[in-house]
Amino acid sequence: MGIIRLMLVVGVLVVAYFLLRSAIREFRGLKGPFQPPASREDMVQDPVCKTYVPRGSAVSADVGGQTYLFCSRDCADTFQKQVGQS
């Protein structure tokens, strides 16, 4: 009777271990590393001229279903022309 109880306890512990391990992996996968929300003062890099501008004053353009931020309308137009050629 003692061996059966021991095997039952070990079995329950093994199942609990695997359930806990999978729950922790899922939790880590969903959350990812902490990133604070973007503010208007965050600096973003213009993909054309490589300068940094505050997010709040950047010019945005949707290109190919993705939003890009630029320092000026000229850089946005240049980027759209470059992407259109490729």
Protein backbone atom coordinates (compact mmCIF):
# COMPACT_ATOMS: atom_id res chain seq x y z
CA MET A 1 0.00 0.00 0.00
CA GLY A 2 2.91 2.38 0.74
CA ILE A 3 4.51 1.92 -2.69
CA ILE A 4 1.22 2.63 -4.47
CA ARG A 5 0.81 5.90 -2.55
CA LEU A 6 4.39 6.87 -3.34
CA MET A 7 3.88 6.15 -7.04
CA LEU A 8 0.64 8.14 -7.03
CA VAL A 9 2.29 11.13 -5.36
CA VAL A 10 5.24 11.01 -7.79
CA GLY A 11 2.80 10.80 -10.73
CA VAL A 12 0.85 13.82 -9.51
CA LEU A 13 4.06 15.79 -9.00
CA VAL A 14 5.30 14.97 -12.51
CA VAL A 15 2.00 16.05 -14.06
CA ALA A 16 1.99 19.25 -11.99
CA TYR A 17 5.58 19.98 -13.08
CA PHE A 18 4.78 19.68 -16.78
CA LEU A 19 1.59 21.73 -16.48
CA LEU A 20 3.40 24.48 -14.61
CA ARG A 21 6.29 24.45 -17.07
CA SER A 22 3.99 24.80 -20.09
CA ALA A 23 2.01 27.57 -18.37
CA ILE A 24 5.21 29.53 -17.68
CA ARG A 25 6.40 29.11 -21.28
CA GLU A 26 3.05 30.30 -22.62
CA PHE A 27 3.02 33.27 -20.26
CA ARG A 28 6.53 34.31 -21.32
CA GLY A 29 5.67 33.92 -24.99
CA LEU A 30 2.56 36.07 -24.76
CA LYS A 31 4.01 38.84 -22.67
CA GLY A 32 7.48 39.20 -24.18
CA PRO A 33 9.93 41.73 -22.80
CA PHE A 34 8.40 44.77 -21.11
CA GLN A 35 8.14 47.79 -23.38
CA PRO A 36 6.65 51.01 -22.08
CA PRO A 37 4.06 52.67 -24.31
CA ALA A 38 5.50 54.99 -26.95
CA SER A 39 5.30 58.67 -26.09
CA ARG A 40 5.35 61.72 -28.32
CA GLU A 41 8.84 62.56 -27.05
CA ASP A 42 10.37 59.22 -28.09
CA MET A 43 12.98 59.66 -30.79
CA VAL A 44 12.51 57.75 -34.05
CA GLN A 45 15.00 57.39 -36.89
CA ASP A 46 14.16 58.54 -40.39
CA PRO A 47 14.87 55.58 -42.75
CA VAL A 48 16.07 57.91 -45.55
CA CYS A 49 18.42 60.48 -44.01
CA LYS A 50 18.98 58.58 -40.72
CA THR A 51 18.29 61.61 -38.51
CA TYR A 52 16.32 61.30 -35.27
CA VAL A 53 13.11 63.24 -34.70
CA PRO A 54 10.57 63.24 -31.87
CA ARG A 55 7.70 60.85 -32.63
CA GLY A 56 5.18 63.64 -32.06
CA SER A 57 6.60 65.86 -34.81
CA ALA A 58 7.51 63.14 -37.33
CA VAL A 59 5.78 62.93 -40.70
CA SER A 60 4.08 59.56 -41.15
CA ALA A 61 3.46 57.73 -44.42
CA ASP A 62 1.84 54.38 -45.12
CA VAL A 63 3.94 52.39 -47.57
CA GLY A 64 3.02 48.84 -48.47
CA GLY A 65 0.61 48.53 -45.54
CA GLN A 66 3.22 49.62 -42.98
CA THR A 67 3.54 53.03 -41.33
CA TYR A 68 6.92 54.75 -41.47
CA LEU A 69 8.01 57.95 -39.71
CA PHE A 70 10.15 60.63 -41.38
CA CYS A 71 11.74 63.94 -40.47
CA SER A 72 10.13 65.74 -43.43
CA ARG A 73 7.68 65.30 -46.29
CA ASP A 74 10.66 65.29 -48.72
CA CYS A 75 12.14 62.21 -47.02
CA ALA A 76 8.73 60.52 -47.07
CA ASP A 77 8.37 61.20 -50.81
CA THR A 78 11.93 59.97 -51.48
CA PHE A 79 11.23 56.75 -49.55
CA GLN A 80 8.00 56.13 -51.42
CA LYS A 81 9.81 56.59 -54.75
CA GLN A 82 12.60 54.20 -53.68
CA VAL A 83 10.14 51.53 -52.56
CA GLY A 84 8.12 51.97 -55.74
CA GLN A 85 11.21 51.25 -57.89
CA SER A 86 12.13 48.00 -56.14
